[in-house]
């Protein structure tokens, strides 16, 4: 069972709950759900359709701002960013526009404009997205390739601390969450793709392209 992040065969059993088992990579420290327990595309979208994250939800705006506010230290209003996995409401681009920033949207299910993934960006934002990605070893190179030199890949995802914390972690109970990153995983990404890594908050990390 190869790791979906670093592709290593050095993986081991990590934990089992009532619904599914979890594996851990011994190289990059990723904790992941075996593919046979992944939802189908139809099942996954049905879960996302339950969300009601619209542009008028002030609580959700504050949540997303925990990524966008620190990002503003690294970007300018003239630069263009991409919100990858923006969701149906595309709330973050709305927040950015209110402050004079330019963010375009892409989402596999709700804003599937593939042309957006052929353009280059000064920053790319993934808020509560990367834990849903089944094959990060394929996605990350694509995103880094369309990120301009000096650009920021801003990632929000809750990080694994240790096994005792994982067993009680509500985050693992979402059936669409299939990959869980730790600080070690983030450091592996930075080294593998020649990025600088900045740990902003307990669930926000920035990768800067050199």
N, C-alpha and C. Protein backbone atom coordinates (compact mmCIF):
# COMPACT_ATOMS: atom_id res chain seq x y z
N UNK A 1 0.85 -1.19 0.00
CA UNK A 1 0.00 0.00 0.00
C UNK A 1 0.89 1.24 0.00
N UNK A 2 1.07 1.84 -1.16
CA UNK A 2 1.98 2.97 -1.28
C UNK A 2 1.39 4.24 -0.67
N UNK A 3 2.25 5.10 -0.15
CA UNK A 3 1.83 6.38 0.39
C UNK A 3 1.34 7.28 -0.74
N UNK A 4 0.19 7.92 -0.60
CA UNK A 4 -0.32 8.80 -1.67
C UNK A 4 0.42 10.13 -1.77
N UNK A 5 1.29 10.43 -0.80
CA UNK A 5 2.05 11.68 -0.85
C UNK A 5 3.45 11.46 -1.43
N UNK A 6 4.20 10.55 -0.84
CA UNK A 6 5.59 10.35 -1.28
C UNK A 6 5.80 9.07 -2.08
N UNK A 7 4.73 8.25 -2.18
CA UNK A 7 4.73 7.00 -2.96
C UNK A 7 5.59 5.90 -2.35
N UNK A 8 6.04 6.08 -1.13
CA UNK A 8 6.85 5.06 -0.47
C UNK A 8 6.01 3.82 -0.17
N UNK A 9 6.66 2.66 -0.20
CA UNK A 9 6.01 1.41 0.19
C UNK A 9 6.14 1.18 1.70
N UNK A 10 6.90 2.05 2.36
CA UNK A 10 7.13 1.88 3.80
C UNK A 10 5.97 2.49 4.60
N UNK A 11 4.87 1.77 4.65
CA UNK A 11 3.70 2.21 5.40
C UNK A 11 3.31 1.14 6.41
N UNK A 12 2.59 1.56 7.42
CA UNK A 12 2.18 0.62 8.47
C UNK A 12 0.80 0.97 8.99
N UNK A 13 0.18 0.00 9.66
CA UNK A 13 -1.12 0.24 10.29
C UNK A 13 -0.97 1.32 11.36
N UNK A 14 -1.94 2.26 11.40
CA UNK A 14 -1.88 3.35 12.36
C UNK A 14 -3.02 3.27 13.37
N UNK A 15 -4.24 3.09 12.87
CA UNK A 15 -5.41 3.10 13.76
C UNK A 15 -6.61 2.55 13.01
N UNK A 16 -7.58 2.05 13.75
CA UNK A 16 -8.83 1.55 13.16
C UNK A 16 -9.98 2.05 14.02
N UNK A 17 -10.97 2.69 13.39
CA UNK A 17 -12.18 3.05 14.11
C UNK A 17 -13.34 2.18 13.59
N UNK A 18 -14.56 2.54 13.89
CA UNK A 18 -15.70 1.70 13.53
C UNK A 18 -15.97 1.69 12.03
N UNK A 19 -15.46 2.70 11.32
CA UNK A 19 -15.79 2.82 9.91
C UNK A 19 -14.66 2.45 8.95
N UNK A 20 -13.39 2.69 9.37
CA UNK A 20 -12.30 2.47 8.43
C UNK A 20 -10.95 2.40 9.14
N UNK A 21 -9.95 1.81 8.50
CA UNK A 21 -8.60 1.80 9.05
C UNK A 21 -7.79 2.99 8.52
N UNK A 22 -6.66 3.24 9.16
CA UNK A 22 -5.76 4.33 8.76
C UNK A 22 -4.35 3.78 8.72
N UNK A 23 -3.62 4.18 7.71
CA UNK A 23 -2.21 3.81 7.56
C UNK A 23 -1.33 5.02 7.81
N UNK A 24 -0.07 4.78 8.12
CA UNK A 24 0.90 5.87 8.30
C UNK A 24 2.14 5.58 7.47
N UNK A 25 2.63 6.60 6.80
CA UNK A 25 3.86 6.47 6.03
C UNK A 25 5.07 6.68 6.95
N UNK A 26 6.04 5.81 6.84
CA UNK A 26 7.24 5.91 7.67
C UNK A 26 8.26 6.88 7.09
N UNK A 27 8.01 7.37 5.89
CA UNK A 27 8.94 8.31 5.25
C UNK A 27 8.48 9.75 5.44
N UNK A 28 7.24 10.06 5.03
CA UNK A 28 6.76 11.46 5.10
C UNK A 28 5.77 11.69 6.24
N UNK A 29 5.40 10.63 6.96
CA UNK A 29 4.56 10.72 8.15
C UNK A 29 3.08 10.97 7.84
N UNK A 30 2.68 10.91 6.59
CA UNK A 30 1.27 11.09 6.24
C UNK A 30 0.44 9.96 6.84
N UNK A 31 -0.71 10.30 7.40
CA UNK A 31 -1.70 9.31 7.81
C UNK A 31 -2.80 9.33 6.75
N UNK A 32 -3.17 8.16 6.26
CA UNK A 32 -4.11 8.14 5.14
C UNK A 32 -5.06 6.94 5.22
N UNK A 33 -6.18 7.09 4.53
CA UNK A 33 -7.21 6.06 4.46
C UNK A 33 -6.97 5.21 3.21
N UNK A 34 -6.96 3.89 3.33
CA UNK A 34 -6.79 3.03 2.14
C UNK A 34 -7.88 3.32 1.10
N UNK A 35 -7.51 3.18 -0.16
CA UNK A 35 -8.38 3.59 -1.25
C UNK A 35 -9.72 2.86 -1.27
N UNK A 36 -9.75 1.62 -0.81
CA UNK A 36 -11.01 0.88 -0.85
C UNK A 36 -12.07 1.45 0.08
N UNK A 37 -11.65 2.39 0.96
CA UNK A 37 -12.60 3.04 1.87
C UNK A 37 -12.95 4.46 1.42
N UNK A 38 -12.47 4.87 0.26
CA UNK A 38 -12.80 6.19 -0.27
C UNK A 38 -14.23 6.21 -0.79
N UNK A 39 -14.86 7.36 -0.71
CA UNK A 39 -16.19 7.53 -1.29
C UNK A 39 -16.09 7.61 -2.82
N UNK A 40 -17.19 7.30 -3.49
CA UNK A 40 -17.25 7.56 -4.93
C UNK A 40 -17.41 9.06 -5.14
N UNK A 41 -17.24 9.51 -6.37
CA UNK A 41 -17.41 10.93 -6.67
C UNK A 41 -18.81 11.39 -6.33
N UNK A 42 -19.79 10.55 -6.62
CA UNK A 42 -21.19 10.90 -6.33
C UNK A 42 -21.43 11.02 -4.83
N UNK A 43 -20.88 10.08 -4.07
CA UNK A 43 -21.03 10.12 -2.62
C UNK A 43 -20.31 11.33 -2.02
N UNK A 44 -19.13 11.63 -2.57
CA UNK A 44 -18.36 12.77 -2.07
C UNK A 44 -19.12 14.08 -2.31
N UNK A 45 -19.63 14.26 -3.51
CA UNK A 45 -20.37 15.49 -3.81
C UNK A 45 -21.62 15.60 -2.94
N UNK A 46 -22.27 14.48 -2.68
CA UNK A 46 -23.46 14.50 -1.82
C UNK A 46 -23.12 15.01 -0.42
N UNK A 47 -21.93 14.66 0.06
CA UNK A 47 -21.48 15.18 1.36
C UNK A 47 -21.25 16.68 1.29
N UNK A 48 -20.62 17.14 0.21
CA UNK A 48 -20.34 18.58 0.07
C UNK A 48 -21.63 19.38 -0.09
N UNK A 49 -22.62 18.77 -0.73
CA UNK A 49 -23.89 19.47 -0.93
C UNK A 49 -24.60 19.77 0.40
N UNK A 50 -24.20 19.08 1.44
CA UNK A 50 -24.79 19.32 2.76
C UNK A 50 -24.28 20.62 3.38
N UNK A 51 -23.15 21.10 2.88
CA UNK A 51 -22.56 22.32 3.43
C UNK A 51 -23.35 23.54 2.98
N UNK A 52 -23.38 24.53 3.82
CA UNK A 52 -24.08 25.77 3.46
C UNK A 52 -23.16 26.96 3.74
N UNK A 53 -22.00 26.92 3.09
CA UNK A 53 -21.00 27.97 3.30
C UNK A 53 -21.20 29.06 2.26
N UNK A 54 -22.09 30.01 2.56
CA UNK A 54 -22.38 31.07 1.58
C UNK A 54 -21.67 32.36 1.97
N UNK A 55 -21.72 33.32 1.06
CA UNK A 55 -20.98 34.57 1.22
C UNK A 55 -21.50 35.44 2.35
N UNK A 56 -22.69 35.17 2.84
CA UNK A 56 -23.28 35.97 3.93
C UNK A 56 -23.00 35.39 5.30
N UNK A 57 -22.35 34.24 5.35
CA UNK A 57 -22.05 33.58 6.61
C UNK A 57 -20.81 34.22 7.24
N UNK A 58 -21.01 35.09 8.22
CA UNK A 58 -19.89 35.83 8.82
C UNK A 58 -18.94 34.91 9.56
N UNK A 59 -19.46 33.86 10.18
CA UNK A 59 -18.60 32.92 10.87
C UNK A 59 -17.66 32.21 9.92
N UNK A 60 -18.18 31.81 8.77
CA UNK A 60 -17.34 31.14 7.78
C UNK A 60 -16.34 32.12 7.17
N UNK A 61 -16.73 33.36 7.01
CA UNK A 61 -15.79 34.37 6.53
C UNK A 61 -14.62 34.54 7.50
N UNK A 62 -14.92 34.57 8.79
CA UNK A 62 -13.85 34.69 9.79
C UNK A 62 -12.93 33.48 9.74
N UNK A 63 -13.52 32.31 9.53
CA UNK A 63 -12.75 31.08 9.44
C UNK A 63 -11.75 31.14 8.28
N UNK A 64 -12.21 31.52 7.11
CA UNK A 64 -11.34 31.61 5.94
C UNK A 64 -10.31 32.72 6.09
N UNK A 65 -10.67 33.78 6.80
CA UNK A 65 -9.76 34.91 6.98
C UNK A 65 -8.53 34.54 7.79
N UNK A 66 -8.61 33.44 8.52
CA UNK A 66 -7.45 32.98 9.27
C UNK A 66 -6.32 32.54 8.35
N UNK A 67 -6.66 32.26 7.10
CA UNK A 67 -5.65 31.98 6.09
C UNK A 67 -5.34 33.23 5.27
N UNK A 68 -6.38 33.97 4.90
CA UNK A 68 -6.17 35.09 3.98
C UNK A 68 -5.48 36.28 4.65
N UNK A 69 -5.81 36.58 5.89
CA UNK A 69 -5.20 37.73 6.55
C UNK A 69 -3.68 37.63 6.64
N UNK A 70 -3.10 36.51 7.12
CA UNK A 70 -1.63 36.42 7.12
C UNK A 70 -1.03 36.36 5.72
N UNK A 71 -1.82 35.87 4.75
CA UNK A 71 -1.32 35.81 3.38
C UNK A 71 -1.10 37.20 2.80
N UNK A 72 -1.89 38.17 3.24
CA UNK A 72 -1.79 39.54 2.71
C UNK A 72 -0.42 40.17 2.94
N UNK A 73 0.35 39.64 3.89
CA UNK A 73 1.70 40.14 4.13
C UNK A 73 2.65 39.78 2.98
N UNK A 74 2.25 38.81 2.17
CA UNK A 74 3.14 38.30 1.12
C UNK A 74 2.67 38.65 -0.29
N UNK A 75 1.49 39.27 -0.41
CA UNK A 75 0.92 39.53 -1.73
C UNK A 75 0.52 40.99 -1.87
N UNK A 76 0.20 41.38 -3.10
CA UNK A 76 -0.28 42.74 -3.37
C UNK A 76 -1.61 42.65 -4.10
N UNK A 77 -2.41 43.72 -4.07
CA UNK A 77 -3.69 43.71 -4.79
C UNK A 77 -3.55 43.51 -6.30
N UNK A 78 -2.39 43.85 -6.84
CA UNK A 78 -2.19 43.72 -8.28
C UNK A 78 -1.96 42.25 -8.69
N UNK A 79 -1.58 41.43 -7.76
CA UNK A 79 -1.28 40.03 -8.07
C UNK A 79 -2.57 39.20 -8.10
N UNK A 80 -2.53 38.12 -8.85
CA UNK A 80 -3.70 37.26 -9.01
C UNK A 80 -3.48 35.93 -8.31
N UNK A 81 -4.49 35.50 -7.55
CA UNK A 81 -4.42 34.23 -6.85
C UNK A 81 -5.50 33.28 -7.31
N UNK A 82 -5.36 32.02 -6.94
CA UNK A 82 -6.33 30.98 -7.26
C UNK A 82 -6.81 30.34 -5.97
N UNK A 83 -8.12 30.25 -5.82
CA UNK A 83 -8.71 29.49 -4.71
C UNK A 83 -9.06 28.12 -5.25
N UNK A 84 -8.19 27.15 -4.97
CA UNK A 84 -8.37 25.79 -5.48
C UNK A 84 -9.26 25.01 -4.51
N UNK A 85 -10.38 24.49 -5.04
CA UNK A 85 -11.34 23.81 -4.17
C UNK A 85 -12.18 24.81 -3.41
N UNK A 86 -12.66 25.81 -4.13
CA UNK A 86 -13.32 26.97 -3.50
C UNK A 86 -14.69 26.64 -2.93
N UNK A 87 -15.28 25.52 -3.33
CA UNK A 87 -16.61 25.19 -2.86
C UNK A 87 -17.69 25.94 -3.63
N UNK A 88 -18.92 25.58 -3.38
CA UNK A 88 -20.04 26.14 -4.13
C UNK A 88 -20.16 27.65 -3.95
N UNK A 89 -19.96 28.14 -2.74
CA UNK A 89 -20.13 29.57 -2.46
C UNK A 89 -18.97 30.45 -2.86
N UNK A 90 -17.78 29.85 -3.10
CA UNK A 90 -16.59 30.62 -3.48
C UNK A 90 -16.42 31.84 -2.57
N UNK A 91 -16.47 31.60 -1.28
CA UNK A 91 -16.52 32.70 -0.31
C UNK A 91 -15.20 33.45 -0.21
N UNK A 92 -14.09 32.74 -0.33
CA UNK A 92 -12.80 33.41 -0.13
C UNK A 92 -12.54 34.47 -1.20
N UNK A 93 -12.90 34.20 -2.44
CA UNK A 93 -12.70 35.20 -3.49
C UNK A 93 -13.57 36.42 -3.23
N UNK A 94 -14.71 36.21 -2.62
CA UNK A 94 -15.58 37.33 -2.23
C UNK A 94 -14.92 38.18 -1.15
N UNK A 95 -14.33 37.52 -0.16
CA UNK A 95 -13.60 38.23 0.90
C UNK A 95 -12.46 39.04 0.29
N UNK A 96 -11.72 38.40 -0.62
CA UNK A 96 -10.57 39.06 -1.25
C UNK A 96 -11.02 40.27 -2.06
N UNK A 97 -12.08 40.13 -2.84
CA UNK A 97 -12.56 41.23 -3.68
C UNK A 97 -12.99 42.42 -2.85
N UNK A 98 -13.58 42.17 -1.70
CA UNK A 98 -13.99 43.27 -0.82
C UNK A 98 -12.80 44.10 -0.35
N UNK A 99 -11.63 43.47 -0.34
CA UNK A 99 -10.42 44.16 0.11
C UNK A 99 -9.50 44.55 -1.03
N UNK A 100 -10.00 44.41 -2.25
CA UNK A 100 -9.25 44.86 -3.42
C UNK A 100 -8.29 43.84 -4.00
N UNK A 101 -8.40 42.57 -3.62
CA UNK A 101 -7.51 41.53 -4.12
C UNK A 101 -8.22 40.70 -5.20
N UNK A 102 -7.41 40.11 -6.08
CA UNK A 102 -7.94 39.36 -7.21
C UNK A 102 -7.73 37.87 -7.01
N UNK A 103 -8.80 37.15 -6.76
CA UNK A 103 -8.73 35.70 -6.59
C UNK A 103 -9.76 35.05 -7.51
N UNK A 104 -9.31 34.13 -8.35
CA UNK A 104 -10.22 33.38 -9.22
C UNK A 104 -10.47 32.01 -8.61
N UNK A 105 -11.51 31.34 -9.09
CA UNK A 105 -11.99 30.13 -8.44
C UNK A 105 -11.86 28.89 -9.32
N UNK A 106 -11.55 27.78 -8.64
CA UNK A 106 -11.63 26.47 -9.28
C UNK A 106 -12.15 25.47 -8.25
N UNK A 107 -13.10 24.64 -8.68
CA UNK A 107 -13.57 23.55 -7.83
C UNK A 107 -14.03 22.42 -8.74
N UNK A 108 -13.62 21.23 -8.43
CA UNK A 108 -13.92 20.07 -9.27
C UNK A 108 -15.42 19.90 -9.50
N UNK A 109 -16.22 20.19 -8.48
CA UNK A 109 -17.65 19.94 -8.57
C UNK A 109 -18.48 21.20 -8.86
N UNK A 110 -18.05 22.34 -8.37
CA UNK A 110 -18.90 23.54 -8.44
C UNK A 110 -18.39 24.62 -9.39
N UNK A 111 -17.09 24.68 -9.60
CA UNK A 111 -16.51 25.66 -10.53
C UNK A 111 -15.44 24.95 -11.37
N UNK A 112 -15.85 23.99 -12.20
CA UNK A 112 -14.88 23.13 -12.91
C UNK A 112 -14.31 23.75 -14.18
N UNK A 113 -13.73 24.92 -14.04
CA UNK A 113 -13.13 25.61 -15.18
C UNK A 113 -11.67 25.15 -15.30
N UNK A 114 -11.44 24.12 -16.10
CA UNK A 114 -10.11 23.52 -16.21
C UNK A 114 -9.07 24.50 -16.75
N UNK A 115 -9.52 25.50 -17.50
CA UNK A 115 -8.59 26.49 -18.05
C UNK A 115 -7.85 27.24 -16.94
N UNK A 116 -8.50 27.36 -15.79
CA UNK A 116 -7.87 28.04 -14.66
C UNK A 116 -6.59 27.34 -14.22
N UNK A 117 -6.51 26.04 -14.48
CA UNK A 117 -5.35 25.26 -14.05
C UNK A 117 -4.22 25.28 -15.08
N UNK A 118 -4.41 26.04 -16.14
CA UNK A 118 -3.35 26.20 -17.14
C UNK A 118 -2.68 27.57 -17.04
N UNK A 119 -3.17 28.42 -16.16
CA UNK A 119 -2.64 29.76 -15.99
C UNK A 119 -1.70 29.81 -14.78
N UNK A 120 -0.95 30.88 -14.66
CA UNK A 120 0.02 31.03 -13.57
C UNK A 120 -0.50 32.01 -12.53
N UNK A 121 -0.09 31.81 -11.27
CA UNK A 121 -0.61 32.60 -10.16
C UNK A 121 0.50 33.00 -9.19
N UNK A 122 0.29 34.14 -8.55
CA UNK A 122 1.21 34.59 -7.51
C UNK A 122 0.97 33.86 -6.20
N UNK A 123 -0.23 33.35 -6.03
CA UNK A 123 -0.54 32.56 -4.83
C UNK A 123 -1.70 31.63 -5.11
N UNK A 124 -1.69 30.50 -4.46
CA UNK A 124 -2.75 29.50 -4.58
C UNK A 124 -3.19 29.13 -3.17
N UNK A 125 -4.49 29.13 -2.96
CA UNK A 125 -5.04 28.90 -1.63
C UNK A 125 -5.83 27.59 -1.61
N UNK A 126 -5.56 26.76 -0.62
CA UNK A 126 -6.33 25.53 -0.41
C UNK A 126 -6.81 25.54 1.04
N UNK A 127 -8.04 25.95 1.27
CA UNK A 127 -8.58 25.97 2.63
C UNK A 127 -9.49 24.76 2.83
N UNK A 128 -9.06 23.89 3.73
CA UNK A 128 -9.80 22.65 4.00
C UNK A 128 -10.05 21.88 2.70
N UNK A 129 -8.98 21.67 1.96
CA UNK A 129 -9.06 20.98 0.68
C UNK A 129 -8.11 19.79 0.61
N UNK A 130 -6.87 19.98 1.03
CA UNK A 130 -5.84 18.99 0.77
C UNK A 130 -6.11 17.66 1.46
N UNK A 131 -6.86 17.69 2.56
CA UNK A 131 -7.20 16.44 3.26
C UNK A 131 -8.21 15.60 2.47
N UNK A 132 -8.83 16.20 1.45
CA UNK A 132 -9.79 15.49 0.60
C UNK A 132 -9.12 14.87 -0.63
N UNK A 133 -7.88 15.21 -0.90
CA UNK A 133 -7.21 14.83 -2.14
C UNK A 133 -6.63 13.42 -2.02
N UNK A 134 -7.09 12.53 -2.92
CA UNK A 134 -6.66 11.13 -2.85
C UNK A 134 -5.21 10.93 -3.29
N UNK A 135 -4.76 11.73 -4.24
CA UNK A 135 -3.42 11.55 -4.79
C UNK A 135 -2.64 12.87 -4.74
N UNK A 136 -2.23 13.29 -3.55
CA UNK A 136 -1.49 14.55 -3.46
C UNK A 136 -0.17 14.53 -4.23
N UNK A 137 0.41 13.33 -4.44
CA UNK A 137 1.67 13.27 -5.19
C UNK A 137 1.47 13.69 -6.64
N UNK A 138 0.21 13.65 -7.13
CA UNK A 138 -0.08 14.13 -8.48
C UNK A 138 -0.51 15.59 -8.48
N UNK A 139 -1.29 15.99 -7.48
CA UNK A 139 -1.81 17.36 -7.46
C UNK A 139 -0.74 18.39 -7.13
N UNK A 140 0.05 18.14 -6.11
CA UNK A 140 1.01 19.16 -5.65
C UNK A 140 1.98 19.61 -6.75
N UNK A 141 2.58 18.71 -7.53
CA UNK A 141 3.45 19.19 -8.61
C UNK A 141 2.72 20.08 -9.61
N UNK A 142 1.46 19.77 -9.90
CA UNK A 142 0.68 20.59 -10.84
C UNK A 142 0.47 22.00 -10.29
N UNK A 143 0.13 22.09 -9.02
CA UNK A 143 -0.09 23.41 -8.43
C UNK A 143 1.21 24.20 -8.32
N UNK A 144 2.26 23.53 -7.92
CA UNK A 144 3.55 24.22 -7.79
C UNK A 144 4.05 24.68 -9.16
N UNK A 145 3.73 23.92 -10.19
CA UNK A 145 4.15 24.28 -11.55
C UNK A 145 3.49 25.56 -12.03
N UNK A 146 2.22 25.82 -11.62
CA UNK A 146 1.54 27.04 -12.06
C UNK A 146 1.70 28.18 -11.06
N UNK A 147 2.50 27.93 -10.02
CA UNK A 147 2.81 28.99 -9.05
C UNK A 147 4.05 29.73 -9.51
N UNK A 148 3.96 31.04 -9.59
CA UNK A 148 5.09 31.84 -10.04
C UNK A 148 6.23 31.83 -9.03
N UNK A 149 7.47 32.04 -9.47
CA UNK A 149 8.59 32.09 -8.53
C UNK A 149 8.34 33.11 -7.42
N UNK A 150 8.60 32.71 -6.19
CA UNK A 150 8.34 33.57 -5.05
C UNK A 150 6.91 33.50 -4.57
N UNK A 151 6.08 32.72 -5.26
CA UNK A 151 4.67 32.62 -4.91
C UNK A 151 4.42 31.77 -3.68
N UNK A 152 3.21 31.88 -3.17
CA UNK A 152 2.83 31.19 -1.93
C UNK A 152 1.73 30.17 -2.21
N UNK A 153 1.94 28.96 -1.72
CA UNK A 153 0.90 27.94 -1.66
C UNK A 153 0.40 27.94 -0.21
N UNK A 154 -0.80 28.48 0.01
CA UNK A 154 -1.35 28.65 1.35
C UNK A 154 -2.32 27.51 1.64
N UNK A 155 -2.00 26.71 2.65
CA UNK A 155 -2.78 25.51 2.93
C UNK A 155 -3.37 25.59 4.34
N UNK A 156 -4.68 25.38 4.42
CA UNK A 156 -5.33 25.23 5.72
C UNK A 156 -5.82 23.79 5.85
N UNK A 157 -5.32 23.08 6.84
CA UNK A 157 -5.79 21.74 7.16
C UNK A 157 -5.34 21.43 8.59
N UNK A 158 -6.18 20.78 9.33
CA UNK A 158 -5.79 20.43 10.70
C UNK A 158 -4.71 19.36 10.64
N UNK A 159 -3.71 19.48 11.52
CA UNK A 159 -2.56 18.59 11.44
C UNK A 159 -2.57 17.52 12.54
N UNK A 160 -2.05 16.37 12.18
CA UNK A 160 -1.91 15.26 13.11
C UNK A 160 -0.86 15.61 14.16
N UNK A 161 -1.18 15.33 15.41
CA UNK A 161 -0.22 15.57 16.50
C UNK A 161 0.44 14.26 16.93
N UNK A 162 -0.38 13.29 17.32
CA UNK A 162 0.12 11.98 17.73
C UNK A 162 -1.06 11.00 17.74
N UNK A 163 -0.76 9.74 17.99
CA UNK A 163 -1.80 8.72 17.96
C UNK A 163 -2.86 8.90 19.04
N UNK A 164 -2.49 9.16 20.30
CA UNK A 164 -3.54 9.36 21.31
C UNK A 164 -4.52 10.48 20.94
N UNK A 165 -3.99 11.57 20.39
CA UNK A 165 -4.86 12.68 19.97
C UNK A 165 -5.71 12.27 18.77
N UNK A 166 -5.13 11.47 17.88
CA UNK A 166 -5.84 11.05 16.67
C UNK A 166 -7.06 10.20 17.02
N UNK A 167 -6.93 9.33 18.00
CA UNK A 167 -8.04 8.44 18.36
C UNK A 167 -9.27 9.21 18.82
N UNK A 168 -9.07 10.41 19.35
CA UNK A 168 -10.18 11.22 19.86
C UNK A 168 -10.54 12.38 18.92
N UNK A 169 -9.92 12.41 17.76
CA UNK A 169 -9.99 13.56 16.86
C UNK A 169 -11.27 13.55 16.04
N UNK A 170 -12.09 14.59 16.17
CA UNK A 170 -13.33 14.67 15.38
C UNK A 170 -13.04 14.80 13.89
N UNK A 171 -11.89 15.36 13.54
CA UNK A 171 -11.53 15.65 12.16
C UNK A 171 -11.49 14.39 11.29
N UNK A 172 -11.10 13.28 11.91
CA UNK A 172 -10.99 12.03 11.15
C UNK A 172 -12.36 11.44 10.81
N UNK A 173 -13.41 11.93 11.46
CA UNK A 173 -14.74 11.33 11.29
C UNK A 173 -15.45 11.77 10.02
N UNK A 174 -14.97 12.80 9.38
CA UNK A 174 -15.55 13.24 8.11
C UNK A 174 -15.19 12.21 7.04
N UNK A 175 -16.17 11.57 6.40
CA UNK A 175 -15.85 10.51 5.43
C UNK A 175 -15.12 11.00 4.18
N UNK A 176 -15.13 12.33 3.95
CA UNK A 176 -14.42 12.88 2.79
C UNK A 176 -12.97 13.22 3.12
N UNK A 177 -12.58 13.14 4.38
CA UNK A 177 -11.20 13.37 4.78
C UNK A 177 -10.42 12.06 4.67
N UNK A 178 -9.41 12.03 3.83
CA UNK A 178 -8.70 10.78 3.57
C UNK A 178 -7.18 10.88 3.72
N UNK A 179 -6.64 12.10 3.85
CA UNK A 179 -5.20 12.28 4.07
C UNK A 179 -4.99 13.31 5.18
N UNK A 180 -4.14 12.95 6.13
CA UNK A 180 -3.91 13.80 7.30
C UNK A 180 -2.42 14.10 7.43
N UNK A 181 -2.10 15.38 7.48
CA UNK A 181 -0.71 15.83 7.44
C UNK A 181 -0.24 16.22 8.84
N UNK A 182 1.03 16.02 9.08
CA UNK A 182 1.67 16.45 10.33
C UNK A 182 2.71 17.52 9.99
N UNK A 183 3.35 18.06 11.00
CA UNK A 183 4.45 19.00 10.75
C UNK A 183 5.53 18.31 9.91
N UNK A 184 5.80 17.06 10.22
CA UNK A 184 6.81 16.31 9.48
C UNK A 184 6.42 16.17 8.01
N UNK A 185 5.13 15.93 7.75
CA UNK A 185 4.65 15.83 6.37
C UNK A 185 4.87 17.15 5.62
N UNK A 186 4.58 18.25 6.30
CA UNK A 186 4.76 19.57 5.68
C UNK A 186 6.23 19.83 5.38
N UNK A 187 7.09 19.45 6.30
CA UNK A 187 8.53 19.61 6.07
C UNK A 187 9.01 18.73 4.91
N UNK A 188 8.42 17.54 4.79
CA UNK A 188 8.78 16.67 3.67
C UNK A 188 8.37 17.32 2.35
N UNK A 189 7.18 17.88 2.29
CA UNK A 189 6.72 18.57 1.07
C UNK A 189 7.69 19.69 0.70
N UNK A 190 8.07 20.48 1.68
CA UNK A 190 8.98 21.60 1.43
C UNK A 190 10.31 21.12 0.85
N UNK A 191 10.84 20.06 1.44
CA UNK A 191 12.12 19.55 0.97
C UNK A 191 12.00 18.91 -0.42
N UNK A 192 10.93 18.13 -0.62
CA UNK A 192 10.76 17.42 -1.88
C UNK A 192 10.57 18.36 -3.06
N UNK A 193 9.88 19.46 -2.83
CA UNK A 193 9.55 20.39 -3.92
C UNK A 193 10.35 21.69 -3.85
N UNK A 194 11.38 21.69 -3.00
CA UNK A 194 12.28 22.85 -2.90
C UNK A 194 11.52 24.14 -2.57
N UNK A 195 10.71 24.06 -1.51
CA UNK A 195 9.92 25.18 -1.04
C UNK A 195 10.38 25.58 0.35
N UNK A 196 10.15 26.83 0.70
CA UNK A 196 10.30 27.26 2.08
C UNK A 196 8.97 27.05 2.79
N UNK A 197 9.00 26.58 4.03
CA UNK A 197 7.77 26.31 4.76
C UNK A 197 7.64 27.26 5.94
N UNK A 198 6.45 27.82 6.11
CA UNK A 198 6.16 28.73 7.22
C UNK A 198 4.92 28.22 7.94
N UNK A 199 5.05 27.86 9.20
CA UNK A 199 3.92 27.41 9.99
C UNK A 199 3.25 28.63 10.60
N UNK A 200 2.07 28.97 10.10
CA UNK A 200 1.38 30.20 10.46
C UNK A 200 0.52 30.00 11.71
N UNK A 201 -0.32 28.97 11.69
CA UNK A 201 -1.16 28.61 12.83
C UNK A 201 -1.18 27.10 12.93
N UNK A 202 -1.89 26.59 13.93
CA UNK A 202 -1.92 25.13 14.12
C UNK A 202 -2.56 24.41 12.95
N UNK A 203 -3.31 25.13 12.11
CA UNK A 203 -3.91 24.50 10.94
C UNK A 203 -3.67 25.29 9.65
N UNK A 204 -2.72 26.18 9.67
CA UNK A 204 -2.38 26.98 8.48
C UNK A 204 -0.88 26.93 8.25
N UNK A 205 -0.50 26.57 7.04
CA UNK A 205 0.92 26.52 6.68
C UNK A 205 1.08 27.12 5.29
N UNK A 206 2.14 27.90 5.10
CA UNK A 206 2.46 28.48 3.80
C UNK A 206 3.71 27.82 3.25
N UNK A 207 3.67 27.51 1.96
CA UNK A 207 4.85 27.03 1.23
C UNK A 207 5.23 28.09 0.22
N UNK A 208 6.46 28.54 0.27
CA UNK A 208 6.91 29.59 -0.64
C UNK A 208 7.85 29.02 -1.69
N UNK A 209 7.52 29.29 -2.96
CA UNK A 209 8.34 28.80 -4.06
C UNK A 209 9.59 29.65 -4.18
N UNK A 210 10.73 29.01 -4.26
CA UNK A 210 11.99 29.74 -4.30
C UNK A 210 12.23 30.31 -5.70
